[in-house]
Amino acid sequence: MQHDACAFARDWIDAWNSHDLTRVLAHYEDDVILTSPRAKIIVGAHDGTVRGEPALRDYFATALRKMPDLTFTLDRAYSGVNSIVVEYHTKDGRHGAEFMDFGTGGHVACVIAHYASE
């Protein structure tokens, strides 16, 4: 399944900026695996990985509570084979890129987040 990287990235960014958790989670498969250095900080995931929609919901909800003014700006979207990379920056100046691999259900099944060194 091929995705329009720019359209997906804009929708993903808009969902995050709305702070509507249901809208954000609609992008992910139920059995999603997300790995991020922020998961260690926000929910104490020792290996930086959250597995499954319930854990992802908890991670995202906690992040939105801790950062109520979180806002993303899309920098670039990169197309791959059944995957994309979304590059963005936040209102507070952090830069990140997330590799997203799509599952058979057409939603994101695997995410690996990266952040620029400060």
PDB file of N, CA and C in Angstrom:
ATOM      1  N   MET A   1       0.845  -1.179   0.000  1.00  0.00           N
ATOM      2  CA  MET A   1       0.000   0.000   0.000  1.00  0.00           C
ATOM      3  C   MET A   1       0.893   1.246   0.000  1.00  0.00           C
ATOM      4  N   GLN A   2       0.704   2.105  -0.941  1.00  0.00           N
ATOM      5  CA  GLN A   2       1.499   3.327  -1.048  1.00  0.00           C
ATOM      6  C   GLN A   2       0.737   4.486  -0.411  1.00  0.00           C
ATOM      7  N   HIS A   3       1.403   5.301   0.354  1.00  0.00           N
ATOM      8  CA  HIS A   3       0.789   6.441   1.016  1.00  0.00           C
ATOM      9  C   HIS A   3       1.339   7.736   0.443  1.00  0.00           C
ATOM     10  N   ASP A   4       0.497   8.749   0.366  1.00  0.00           N
ATOM     11  CA  ASP A   4       0.942  10.094   0.002  1.00  0.00           C
ATOM     12  C   ASP A   4       1.588  10.672   1.260  1.00  0.00           C
ATOM     13  N   ALA A   5       2.911  10.731   1.268  1.00  0.00           N
ATOM     14  CA  ALA A   5       3.648  11.126   2.468  1.00  0.00           C
ATOM     15  C   ALA A   5       3.250  12.520   2.951  1.00  0.00           C
ATOM     16  N   CYS A   6       3.118  13.465   2.031  1.00  0.00           N
ATOM     17  CA  CYS A   6       2.786  14.836   2.439  1.00  0.00           C
ATOM     18  C   CYS A   6       1.386  14.917   3.025  1.00  0.00           C
ATOM     19  N   ALA A   7       0.427  14.249   2.387  1.00  0.00           N
ATOM     20  CA  ALA A   7      -0.954  14.280   2.895  1.00  0.00           C
ATOM     21  C   ALA A   7      -1.032  13.611   4.266  1.00  0.00           C
ATOM     22  N   PHE A   8      -0.376  12.455   4.416  1.00  0.00           N
ATOM     23  CA  PHE A   8      -0.370  11.769   5.698  1.00  0.00           C
ATOM     24  C   PHE A   8       0.272  12.640   6.767  1.00  0.00           C
ATOM     25  N   ALA A   9       1.435  13.211   6.444  1.00  0.00           N
ATOM     26  CA  ALA A   9       2.159  14.032   7.419  1.00  0.00           C
ATOM     27  C   ALA A   9       1.342  15.238   7.854  1.00  0.00           C
ATOM     28  N   ARG A  10       0.689  15.897   6.914  1.00  0.00           N
ATOM     29  CA  ARG A  10      -0.149  17.058   7.273  1.00  0.00           C
ATOM     30  C   ARG A  10      -1.289  16.636   8.188  1.00  0.00           C
ATOM     31  N   ASP A  11      -1.923  15.506   7.878  1.00  0.00           N
ATOM     32  CA  ASP A  11      -3.030  15.029   8.705  1.00  0.00           C
ATOM     33  C   ASP A  11      -2.536  14.630  10.094  1.00  0.00           C
ATOM     34  N   TRP A  12      -1.380  13.984  10.156  1.00  0.00           N
ATOM     35  CA  TRP A  12      -0.793  13.559  11.431  1.00  0.00           C
ATOM     36  C   TRP A  12      -0.448  14.773  12.293  1.00  0.00           C
ATOM     37  N   ILE A  13       0.177  15.778  11.681  1.00  0.00           N
ATOM     38  CA  ILE A  13       0.526  17.021  12.383  1.00  0.00           C
ATOM     39  C   ILE A  13      -0.745  17.729  12.868  1.00  0.00           C
ATOM     40  N   ASP A  14      -1.745  17.836  11.992  1.00  0.00           N
ATOM     41  CA  ASP A  14      -3.007  18.486  12.373  1.00  0.00           C
ATOM     42  C   ASP A  14      -3.673  17.765  13.537  1.00  0.00           C
ATOM     43  N   ALA A  15      -3.626  16.438  13.525  1.00  0.00           N
ATOM     44  CA  ALA A  15      -4.208  15.664  14.621  1.00  0.00           C
ATOM     45  C   ALA A  15      -3.496  15.973  15.931  1.00  0.00           C
ATOM     46  N   TRP A  16      -2.169  15.968  15.899  1.00  0.00           N
ATOM     47  CA  TRP A  16      -1.415  16.302  17.116  1.00  0.00           C
ATOM     48  C   TRP A  16      -1.721  17.720  17.590  1.00  0.00           C
ATOM     49  N   ASN A  17      -1.762  18.656  16.675  1.00  0.00           N
ATOM     50  CA  ASN A  17      -1.996  20.050  17.062  1.00  0.00           C
ATOM     51  C   ASN A  17      -3.412  20.274  17.585  1.00  0.00           C
ATOM     52  N   SER A  18      -4.335  19.397  17.245  1.00  0.00           N
ATOM     53  CA  SER A  18      -5.706  19.489  17.781  1.00  0.00           C
ATOM     54  C   SER A  18      -5.772  18.979  19.220  1.00  0.00           C
ATOM     55  N   HIS A  19      -4.757  18.209  19.633  1.00  0.00           N
ATOM     56  CA  HIS A  19      -4.698  17.555  20.946  1.00  0.00           C
ATOM     57  C   HIS A  19      -5.869  16.599  21.151  1.00  0.00           C
ATOM     58  N   ASP A  20      -6.451  16.125  20.059  1.00  0.00           N
ATOM     59  CA  ASP A  20      -7.542  15.157  20.087  1.00  0.00           C
ATOM     60  C   ASP A  20      -6.916  13.763  20.027  1.00  0.00           C
ATOM     61  N   LEU A  21      -6.841  13.114  21.171  1.00  0.00           N
ATOM     62  CA  LEU A  21      -6.145  11.839  21.284  1.00  0.00           C
ATOM     63  C   LEU A  21      -6.747  10.774  20.360  1.00  0.00           C
ATOM     64  N   THR A  22      -8.054  10.743  20.224  1.00  0.00           N
ATOM     65  CA  THR A  22      -8.701   9.778  19.339  1.00  0.00           C
ATOM     66  C   THR A  22      -8.266  10.001  17.894  1.00  0.00           C
ATOM     67  N   ARG A  23      -8.185  11.248  17.507  1.00  0.00           N
ATOM     68  CA  ARG A  23      -7.752  11.591  16.146  1.00  0.00           C
ATOM     69  C   ARG A  23      -6.287  11.199  15.921  1.00  0.00           C
ATOM     70  N   VAL A  24      -5.447  11.416  16.904  1.00  0.00           N
ATOM     71  CA  VAL A  24      -4.031  11.031  16.782  1.00  0.00           C
ATOM     72  C   VAL A  24      -3.919   9.513  16.660  1.00  0.00           C
ATOM     73  N   LEU A  25      -4.597   8.793  17.544  1.00  0.00           N
ATOM     74  CA  LEU A  25      -4.490   7.337  17.577  1.00  0.00           C
ATOM     75  C   LEU A  25      -5.072   6.672  16.335  1.00  0.00           C
ATOM     76  N   ALA A  26      -5.939   7.356  15.610  1.00  0.00           N
ATOM     77  CA  ALA A  26      -6.532   6.799  14.388  1.00  0.00           C
ATOM     78  C   ALA A  26      -5.485   6.499  13.323  1.00  0.00           C
ATOM     79  N   HIS A  27      -4.281   7.023  13.463  1.00  0.00           N
ATOM     80  CA  HIS A  27      -3.217   6.788  12.495  1.00  0.00           C
ATOM     81  C   HIS A  27      -2.490   5.460  12.715  1.00  0.00           C
ATOM     82  N   TYR A  28      -2.755   4.786  13.830  1.00  0.00           N
ATOM     83  CA  TYR A  28      -1.947   3.639  14.242  1.00  0.00           C
ATOM     84  C   TYR A  28      -2.736   2.340  14.274  1.00  0.00           C
ATOM     85  N   GLU A  29      -2.027   1.234  13.993  1.00  0.00           N
ATOM     86  CA  GLU A  29      -2.582  -0.110  14.134  1.00  0.00           C
ATOM     87  C   GLU A  29      -2.771  -0.413  15.624  1.00  0.00           C
ATOM     88  N   ASP A  30      -3.665  -1.339  15.946  1.00  0.00           N
ATOM     89  CA  ASP A  30      -3.892  -1.722  17.342  1.00  0.00           C
ATOM     90  C   ASP A  30      -2.652  -2.345  17.983  1.00  0.00           C
ATOM     91  N   ASP A  31      -1.845  -3.031  17.177  1.00  0.00           N
ATOM     92  CA  ASP A  31      -0.652  -3.705  17.714  1.00  0.00           C
ATOM     93  C   ASP A  31       0.632  -2.924  17.422  1.00  0.00           C
ATOM     94  N   VAL A  32       0.517  -1.619  17.315  1.00  0.00           N
ATOM     95  CA  VAL A  32       1.648  -0.738  17.009  1.00  0.00           C
ATOM     96  C   VAL A  32       2.786  -0.903  18.011  1.00  0.00           C
ATOM     97  N   ILE A  33       3.993  -0.707  17.506  1.00  0.00           N
ATOM     98  CA  ILE A  33       5.189  -0.673  18.357  1.00  0.00           C
ATOM     99  C   ILE A  33       5.873   0.660  18.083  1.00  0.00           C
ATOM    100  N   LEU A  34       6.069   1.450  19.119  1.00  0.00           N
ATOM    101  CA  LEU A  34       6.715   2.752  18.998  1.00  0.00           C
ATOM    102  C   LEU A  34       7.944   2.781  19.892  1.00  0.00           C
ATOM    103  N   THR A  35       9.071   3.207  19.307  1.00  0.00           N
ATOM    104  CA  THR A  35      10.310   3.351  20.064  1.00  0.00           C
ATOM    105  C   THR A  35      10.754   4.803  19.979  1.00  0.00           C
ATOM    106  N   SER A  36      10.985   5.395  21.145  1.00  0.00           N
ATOM    107  CA  SER A  36      11.343   6.807  21.210  1.00  0.00           C
ATOM    108  C   SER A  36      12.111   7.096  22.495  1.00  0.00           C
ATOM    109  N   PRO A  37      13.146   7.926  22.400  1.00  0.00           N
ATOM    110  CA  PRO A  37      13.826   8.349  23.626  1.00  0.00           C
ATOM    111  C   PRO A  37      12.876   9.060  24.585  1.00  0.00           C
ATOM    112  N   ARG A  38      11.835   9.705  24.045  1.00  0.00           N
ATOM    113  CA  ARG A  38      10.876  10.428  24.885  1.00  0.00           C
ATOM    114  C   ARG A  38      10.017   9.461  25.719  1.00  0.00           C
ATOM    115  N   ALA A  39       9.815   8.237  25.237  1.00  0.00           N
ATOM    116  CA  ALA A  39       9.029   7.258  25.997  1.00  0.00           C
ATOM    117  C   ALA A  39       9.714   6.913  27.316  1.00  0.00           C
ATOM    118  N   LYS A  40      11.049   6.933  27.309  1.00  0.00           N
ATOM    119  CA  LYS A  40      11.778   6.715  28.562  1.00  0.00           C
ATOM    120  C   LYS A  40      11.456   7.824  29.561  1.00  0.00           C
ATOM    121  N   ILE A  41      11.440   9.052  29.078  1.00  0.00           N
ATOM    122  CA  ILE A  41      11.235  10.220  29.934  1.00  0.00           C
ATOM    123  C   ILE A  41       9.782  10.340  30.385  1.00  0.00           C
ATOM    124  N   ILE A  42       8.855  10.181  29.450  1.00  0.00           N
ATOM    125  CA  ILE A  42       7.451  10.492  29.721  1.00  0.00           C
ATOM    126  C   ILE A  42       6.741   9.390  30.491  1.00  0.00           C
ATOM    127  N   VAL A  43       6.944   8.118  30.105  1.00  0.00           N
ATOM    128  CA  VAL A  43       6.242   7.037  30.797  1.00  0.00           C
ATOM    129  C   VAL A  43       7.182   6.019  31.427  1.00  0.00           C
ATOM    130  N   GLY A  44       8.481   6.312  31.426  1.00  0.00           N
ATOM    131  CA  GLY A  44       9.434   5.429  32.081  1.00  0.00           C
ATOM    132  C   GLY A  44       9.649   4.096  31.388  1.00  0.00           C
ATOM    133  N   ALA A  45       9.406   4.026  30.085  1.00  0.00           N
ATOM    134  CA  ALA A  45       9.651   2.792  29.340  1.00  0.00           C
ATOM    135  C   ALA A  45      11.160   2.547  29.316  1.00  0.00           C
ATOM    136  N   HIS A  46      11.609   1.537  30.037  1.00  0.00           N
ATOM    137  CA  HIS A  46      13.056   1.330  30.218  1.00  0.00           C
ATOM    138  C   HIS A  46      13.806   1.168  28.908  1.00  0.00           C
ATOM    139  N   ASP A  47      13.173   0.564  27.894  1.00  0.00           N
ATOM    140  CA  ASP A  47      13.835   0.390  26.603  1.00  0.00           C
ATOM    141  C   ASP A  47      13.359   1.403  25.563  1.00  0.00           C
ATOM    142  N   GLY A  48      12.548   2.373  25.997  1.00  0.00           N
ATOM    143  CA  GLY A  48      12.057   3.405  25.093  1.00  0.00           C
ATOM    144  C   GLY A  48      10.964   2.927  24.159  1.00  0.00           C
ATOM    145  N   THR A  49      10.399   1.757  24.431  1.00  0.00           N
ATOM    146  CA  THR A  49       9.405   1.179  23.530  1.00  0.00           C
ATOM    147  C   THR A  49       8.061   1.010  24.227  1.00  0.00           C
ATOM    148  N   VAL A  50       7.008   1.402  23.514  1.00  0.00           N
ATOM    149  CA  VAL A  50       5.635   1.125  23.955  1.00  0.00           C
ATOM    150  C   VAL A  50       5.012   0.197  22.918  1.00  0.00           C
ATOM    151  N   ARG A  51       4.239  -0.755  23.409  1.00  0.00           N
ATOM    152  CA  ARG A  51       3.676  -1.791  22.534  1.00  0.00           C
ATOM    153  C   ARG A  51       2.166  -1.846  22.688  1.00  0.00           C
ATOM    154  N   GLY A  52       1.476  -1.704  21.572  1.00  0.00           N
ATOM    155  CA  GLY A  52       0.021  -1.832  21.548  1.00  0.00           C
ATOM    156  C   GLY A  52      -0.679  -0.510  21.791  1.00  0.00           C
ATOM    157  N   GLU A  53      -1.907  -0.446  21.309  1.00  0.00           N
ATOM    158  CA  GLU A  53      -2.679   0.798  21.388  1.00  0.00           C
ATOM    159  C   GLU A  53      -2.921   1.273  22.824  1.00  0.00           C
ATOM    160  N   PRO A  54      -3.229   0.403  23.781  1.00  0.00           N
ATOM    161  CA  PRO A  54      -3.428   0.909  25.148  1.00  0.00           C
ATOM    162  C   PRO A  54      -2.187   1.611  25.712  1.00  0.00           C
ATOM    163  N   ALA A  55      -1.006   1.036  25.490  1.00  0.00           N
ATOM    164  CA  ALA A  55       0.232   1.658  25.972  1.00  0.00           C
ATOM    165  C   ALA A  55       0.520   2.944  25.206  1.00  0.00           C
ATOM    166  N   LEU A  56       0.229   2.937  23.905  1.00  0.00           N
ATOM    167  CA  LEU A  56       0.437   4.143  23.103  1.00  0.00           C
ATOM    168  C   LEU A  56      -0.502   5.255  23.561  1.00  0.00           C
ATOM    169  N   ARG A  57      -1.741   4.898  23.846  1.00  0.00           N
ATOM    170  CA  ARG A  57      -2.719   5.876  24.354  1.00  0.00           C
ATOM    171  C   ARG A  57      -2.216   6.497  25.646  1.00  0.00           C
ATOM    172  N   ASP A  58      -1.721   5.664  26.560  1.00  0.00           N
ATOM    173  CA  ASP A  58      -1.210   6.162  27.844  1.00  0.00           C
ATOM    174  C   ASP A  58      -0.023   7.099  27.622  1.00  0.00           C
ATOM    175  N   TYR A  59       0.891   6.702  26.748  1.00  0.00           N
ATOM    176  CA  TYR A  59       2.072   7.515  26.452  1.00  0.00           C
ATOM    177  C   TYR A  59       1.665   8.868  25.882  1.00  0.00           C
ATOM    178  N   PHE A  60       0.817   8.861  24.866  1.00  0.00           N
ATOM    179  CA  PHE A  60       0.403  10.115  24.234  1.00  0.00           C
ATOM    180  C   PHE A  60      -0.406  10.987  25.190  1.00  0.00           C
ATOM    181  N   ALA A  61      -1.309  10.385  25.958  1.00  0.00           N
ATOM    182  CA  ALA A  61      -2.123  11.158  26.913  1.00  0.00           C
ATOM    183  C   ALA A  61      -1.237  11.808  27.966  1.00  0.00           C
ATOM    184  N   THR A  62      -0.256  11.067  28.463  1.00  0.00           N
ATOM    185  CA  THR A  62       0.669  11.608  29.455  1.00  0.00           C
ATOM    186  C   THR A  62       1.488  12.745  28.851  1.00  0.00           C
ATOM    187  N   ALA A  63       1.947  12.557  27.619  1.00  0.00           N
ATOM    188  CA  ALA A  63       2.729  13.605  26.946  1.00  0.00           C
ATOM    189  C   ALA A  63       1.898  14.879  26.785  1.00  0.00           C
ATOM    190  N   LEU A  64       0.654  14.736  26.377  1.00  0.00           N
ATOM    191  CA  LEU A  64      -0.200  15.916  26.194  1.00  0.00           C
ATOM    192  C   LEU A  64      -0.500  16.606  27.525  1.00  0.00           C
ATOM    193  N   ARG A  65      -0.624  15.836  28.608  1.00  0.00           N
ATOM    194  CA  ARG A  65      -0.829  16.437  29.937  1.00  0.00           C
ATOM    195  C   ARG A  65       0.415  17.203  30.382  1.00  0.00           C
ATOM    196  N   LYS A  66       1.591  16.626  30.136  1.00  0.00           N
ATOM    197  CA  LYS A  66       2.841  17.253  30.563  1.00  0.00           C
ATOM    198  C   LYS A  66       3.218  18.446  29.699  1.00  0.00           C
ATOM    199  N   MET A  67       2.734  18.460  28.456  1.00  0.00           N
ATOM    200  CA  MET A  67       3.073  19.539  27.515  1.00  0.00           C
ATOM    201  C   MET A  67       1.783  20.067  26.872  1.00  0.00           C
ATOM    202  N   PRO A  68       0.956  20.767  27.638  1.00  0.00           N
ATOM    203  CA  PRO A  68      -0.362  21.179  27.119  1.00  0.00           C
ATOM    204  C   PRO A  68      -0.309  22.152  25.945  1.00  0.00           C
ATOM    205  N   ASP A  69       0.823  22.770  25.706  1.00  0.00           N
ATOM    206  CA  ASP A  69       0.936  23.697  24.569  1.00  0.00           C
ATOM    207  C   ASP A  69       1.751  23.087  23.426  1.00  0.00           C
ATOM    208  N   LEU A  70       1.888  21.753  23.406  1.00  0.00           N
ATOM    209  CA  LEU A  70       2.647  21.071  22.365  1.00  0.00           C
ATOM    210  C   LEU A  70       2.075  21.399  20.987  1.00  0.00           C
ATOM    211  N   THR A  71       2.933  21.876  20.105  1.00  0.00           N
ATOM    212  CA  THR A  71       2.549  22.209  18.738  1.00  0.00           C
ATOM    213  C   THR A  71       3.670  21.773  17.806  1.00  0.00           C
ATOM    214  N   PHE A  72       3.289  21.066  16.727  1.00  0.00           N
ATOM    215  CA  PHE A  72       4.243  20.618  15.724  1.00  0.00           C
ATOM    216  C   PHE A  72       4.116  21.457  14.458  1.00  0.00           C
ATOM    217  N   THR A  73       5.230  21.666  13.783  1.00  0.00           N
ATOM    218  CA  THR A  73       5.254  22.265  12.451  1.00  0.00           C
ATOM    219  C   THR A  73       5.947  21.274  11.529  1.00  0.00           C
ATOM    220  N   LEU A  74       5.305  20.942  10.421  1.00  0.00           N
ATOM    221  CA  LEU A  74       5.870  20.008   9.458  1.00  0.00           C
ATOM    222  C   LEU A  74       7.018  20.664   8.709  1.00  0.00           C
ATOM    223  N   ASP A  75       8.157  19.999   8.676  1.00  0.00           N
ATOM    224  CA  ASP A  75       9.299  20.459   7.889  1.00  0.00           C
ATOM    225  C   ASP A  75       9.361  19.730   6.551  1.00  0.00           C
ATOM    226  N   ARG A  76       9.321  18.393   6.595  1.00  0.00           N
ATOM    227  CA  ARG A  76       9.376  17.590   5.378  1.00  0.00           C
ATOM    228  C   ARG A  76       8.716  16.243   5.626  1.00  0.00           C
ATOM    229  N   ALA A  77       8.284  15.625   4.539  1.00  0.00           N
ATOM    230  CA  ALA A  77       7.802  14.248   4.572  1.00  0.00           C
ATOM    231  C   ALA A  77       8.523  13.486   3.477  1.00  0.00           C
ATOM    232  N   TYR A  78       8.994  12.309   3.814  1.00  0.00           N
ATOM    233  CA  TYR A  78       9.754  11.481   2.887  1.00  0.00           C
ATOM    234  C   TYR A  78       8.990  10.190   2.615  1.00  0.00           C
ATOM    235  N   SER A  79       8.880   9.822   1.352  1.00  0.00           N
ATOM    236  CA  SER A  79       8.206   8.580   0.959  1.00  0.00           C
ATOM    237  C   SER A  79       9.201   7.434   0.924  1.00  0.00           C
ATOM    238  N   GLY A  80       8.744   6.265   1.344  1.00  0.00           N
ATOM    239  CA  GLY A  80       9.537   5.047   1.248  1.00  0.00           C
ATOM    240  C   GLY A  80       8.669   3.937   0.687  1.00  0.00           C
ATOM    241  N   VAL A  81       9.125   2.717   0.826  1.00  0.00           N
ATOM    242  CA  VAL A  81       8.352   1.561   0.412  1.00  0.00           C
ATOM    243  C   VAL A  81       7.497   1.145   1.598  1.00  0.00           C
ATOM    244  N   ASN A  82       6.206   1.458   1.519  1.00  0.00           N
ATOM    245  CA  ASN A  82       5.256   1.173   2.599  1.00  0.00           C
ATOM    246  C   ASN A  82       5.655   1.855   3.916  1.00  0.00           C
ATOM    247  N   SER A  83       6.383   2.958   3.802  1.00  0.00           N
ATOM    248  CA  SER A  83       6.801   3.703   4.985  1.00  0.00           C
ATOM    249  C   SER A  83       6.991   5.167   4.615  1.00  0.00           C
ATOM    250  N   ILE A  84       7.021   5.987   5.638  1.00  0.00           N
ATOM    251  CA  ILE A  84       7.330   7.401   5.460  1.00  0.00           C
ATOM    252  C   ILE A  84       8.195   7.859   6.631  1.00  0.00           C
ATOM    253  N   VAL A  85       8.810   9.011   6.450  1.00  0.00           N
ATOM    254  CA  VAL A  85       9.485   9.711   7.539  1.00  0.00           C
ATOM    255  C   VAL A  85       8.868  11.099   7.601  1.00  0.00           C
ATOM    256  N   VAL A  86       8.446  11.482   8.793  1.00  0.00           N
ATOM    257  CA  VAL A  86       7.897  12.815   9.021  1.00  0.00           C
ATOM    258  C   VAL A  86       8.922  13.593   9.834  1.00  0.00           C
ATOM    259  N   GLU A  87       9.391  14.692   9.262  1.00  0.00           N
ATOM    260  CA  GLU A  87      10.350  15.572   9.933  1.00  0.00           C
ATOM    261  C   GLU A  87       9.600  16.827  10.379  1.00  0.00           C
ATOM    262  N   TYR A  88       9.822  17.222  11.626  1.00  0.00           N
ATOM    263  CA  TYR A  88       9.056  18.335  12.187  1.00  0.00           C
ATOM    264  C   TYR A  88       9.878  19.069  13.235  1.00  0.00           C
ATOM    265  N   HIS A  89       9.335  20.191  13.677  1.00  0.00           N
ATOM    266  CA  HIS A  89       9.891  20.856  14.858  1.00  0.00           C
ATOM    267  C   HIS A  89       8.727  21.301  15.741  1.00  0.00           C
ATOM    268  N   THR A  90       9.033  21.489  17.004  1.00  0.00           N
ATOM    269  CA  THR A  90       8.014  21.892  17.971  1.00  0.00           C
ATOM    270  C   THR A  90       8.143  23.378  18.276  1.00  0.00           C
ATOM    271  N   LYS A  91       7.094  23.890  18.879  1.00  0.00           N
ATOM    272  CA  LYS A  91       7.055  25.311  19.235  1.00  0.00           C
ATOM    273  C   LYS A  91       8.218  25.702  20.140  1.00  0.00           C
ATOM    274  N   ASP A  92       8.662  24.748  20.979  1.00  0.00           N
ATOM    275  CA  ASP A  92       9.761  25.057  21.905  1.00  0.00           C
ATOM    276  C   ASP A  92      11.141  24.792  21.300  1.00  0.00           C
ATOM    277  N   GLY A  93      11.205  24.529  19.983  1.00  0.00           N
ATOM    278  CA  GLY A  93      12.484  24.456  19.295  1.00  0.00           C
ATOM    279  C   GLY A  93      13.097  23.081  19.140  1.00  0.00           C
ATOM    280  N   ARG A  94      12.414  22.018  19.588  1.00  0.00           N
ATOM    281  CA  ARG A  94      12.952  20.666  19.395  1.00  0.00           C
ATOM    282  C   ARG A  94      12.691  20.219  17.964  1.00  0.00           C
ATOM    283  N   HIS A  95      13.653  19.486  17.384  1.00  0.00           N
ATOM    284  CA  HIS A  95      13.519  18.960  16.028  1.00  0.00           C
ATOM    285  C   HIS A  95      13.487  17.440  16.095  1.00  0.00           C
ATOM    286  N   GLY A  96      12.599  16.850  15.303  1.00  0.00           N
ATOM    287  CA  GLY A  96      12.492  15.401  15.304  1.00  0.00           C
ATOM    288  C   GLY A  96      12.124  14.863  13.941  1.00  0.00           C
ATOM    289  N   ALA A  97      12.297  13.561  13.803  1.00  0.00           N
ATOM    290  CA  ALA A  97      11.872  12.841  12.608  1.00  0.00           C
ATOM    291  C   ALA A  97      11.406  11.464  13.066  1.00  0.00           C
ATOM    292  N   GLU A  98      10.290  11.024  12.488  1.00  0.00           N
ATOM    293  CA  GLU A  98       9.745   9.726  12.855  1.00  0.00           C
ATOM    294  C   GLU A  98       9.604   8.860  11.617  1.00  0.00           C
ATOM    295  N   PHE A  99      10.265   7.696  11.672  1.00  0.00           N
ATOM    296  CA  PHE A  99      10.104   6.678  10.644  1.00  0.00           C
ATOM    297  C   PHE A  99       8.840   5.915  10.986  1.00  0.00           C
ATOM    298  N   MET A 100       7.929   5.805  10.031  1.00  0.00           N
ATOM    299  CA  MET A 100       6.663   5.110  10.255  1.00  0.00           C
ATOM    300  C   MET A 100       6.481   4.061   9.169  1.00  0.00           C
ATOM    301  N   ASP A 101       6.332   2.815   9.598  1.00  0.00           N
ATOM    302  CA  ASP A 101       6.119   1.695   8.693  1.00  0.00           C
ATOM    303  C   ASP A 101       4.649   1.300   8.801  1.00  0.00           C
ATOM    304  N   PHE A 102       4.003   1.131   7.654  1.00  0.00           N
ATOM    305  CA  PHE A 102       2.575   0.837   7.641  1.00  0.00           C
ATOM    306  C   PHE A 102       2.323  -0.663   7.677  1.00  0.00           C
ATOM    307  N   GLY A 103       1.311  -1.054   8.448  1.00  0.00           N
ATOM    308  CA  GLY A 103       0.924  -2.455   8.564  1.00  0.00           C
ATOM    309  C   GLY A 103      -0.091  -2.840   7.510  1.00  0.00           C
ATOM    310  N   THR A 104      -0.532  -4.078   7.592  1.00  0.00           N
ATOM    311  CA  THR A 104      -1.476  -4.595   6.605  1.00  0.00           C
ATOM    312  C   THR A 104      -2.838  -3.918   6.691  1.00  0.00           C
ATOM    313  N   GLY A 105      -3.148  -3.311   7.827  1.00  0.00           N
ATOM    314  CA  GLY A 105      -4.411  -2.592   7.981  1.00  0.00           C
ATOM    315  C   GLY A 105      -4.373  -1.183   7.411  1.00  0.00           C
ATOM    316  N   GLY A 106      -3.219  -0.775   6.877  1.00  0.00           N
ATOM    317  CA  GLY A 106      -3.100   0.539   6.265  1.00  0.00           C
ATOM    318  C   GLY A 106      -2.760   1.658   7.220  1.00  0.00           C
ATOM    319  N   HIS A 107      -2.534   1.305   8.491  1.00  0.00           N
ATOM    320  CA  HIS A 107      -2.164   2.299   9.494  1.00  0.00           C
ATOM    321  C   HIS A 107      -0.731   2.038   9.958  1.00  0.00           C
ATOM    322  N   VAL A 108      -0.196   2.937  10.738  1.00  0.00           N
ATOM    323  CA  VAL A 108       1.187   2.824  11.200  1.00  0.00           C
ATOM    324  C   VAL A 108       1.309   1.645  12.172  1.00  0.00           C
ATOM    325  N   ALA A 109       2.225   0.734  11.853  1.00  0.00           N
ATOM    326  CA  ALA A 109       2.452  -0.447  12.684  1.00  0.00           C
ATOM    327  C   ALA A 109       3.718  -0.330  13.516  1.00  0.00           C
ATOM    328  N   CYS A 110       4.677   0.444  13.023  1.00  0.00           N
ATOM    329  CA  CYS A 110       5.965   0.591  13.706  1.00  0.00           C
ATOM    330  C   CYS A 110       6.445   2.026  13.551  1.00  0.00           C
ATOM    331  N   VAL A 111       6.876   2.602  14.649  1.00  0.00           N
ATOM    332  CA  VAL A 111       7.405   3.968  14.661  1.00  0.00           C
ATOM    333  C   VAL A 111       8.749   3.950  15.367  1.00  0.00           C
ATOM    334  N   ILE A 112       9.722   4.630  14.763  1.00  0.00           N
ATOM    335  CA  ILE A 112      10.992   4.850  15.444  1.00  0.00           C
ATOM    336  C   ILE A 112      11.252   6.351  15.376  1.00  0.00           C
ATOM    337  N   ALA A 113      11.220   6.984  16.550  1.00  0.00           N
ATOM    338  CA  ALA A 113      11.374   8.448  16.635  1.00  0.00           C
ATOM    339  C   ALA A 113      12.825   8.805  16.891  1.00  0.00           C
ATOM    340  N   HIS A 114      13.231   9.903  16.268  1.00  0.00           N
ATOM    341  CA  HIS A 114      14.594  10.426  16.414  1.00  0.00           C
ATOM    342  C   HIS A 114      14.508  11.919  16.700  1.00  0.00           C
ATOM    343  N   TYR A 115      15.440  12.403  17.503  1.00  0.00           N
ATOM    344  CA  TYR A 115      15.447  13.828  17.853  1.00  0.00           C
ATOM    345  C   TYR A 115      16.854  14.396  17.662  1.00  0.00           C
ATOM    346  N   ALA A 116      16.910  15.648  17.218  1.00  0.00           N
ATOM    347  CA  ALA A 116      18.183  16.312  17.018  1.00  0.00           C
ATOM    348  C   ALA A 116      18.878  16.506  18.360  1.00  0.00           C
ATOM    349  N   SER A 117      20.171  16.358  18.346  1.00  0.00           N
ATOM    350  CA  SER A 117      20.968  16.602  19.550  1.00  0.00           C
ATOM    351  C   SER A 117      20.957  18.088  19.848  1.00  0.00           C
ATOM    352  N   GLU A 118      20.935  18.391  21.123  1.00  0.00           N
ATOM    353  CA  GLU A 118      20.918  19.799  21.520  1.00  0.00           C
ATOM    354  C   GLU A 118      22.308  20.334  21.647  1.00  0.00           C
TER     355      GLU A 118
END
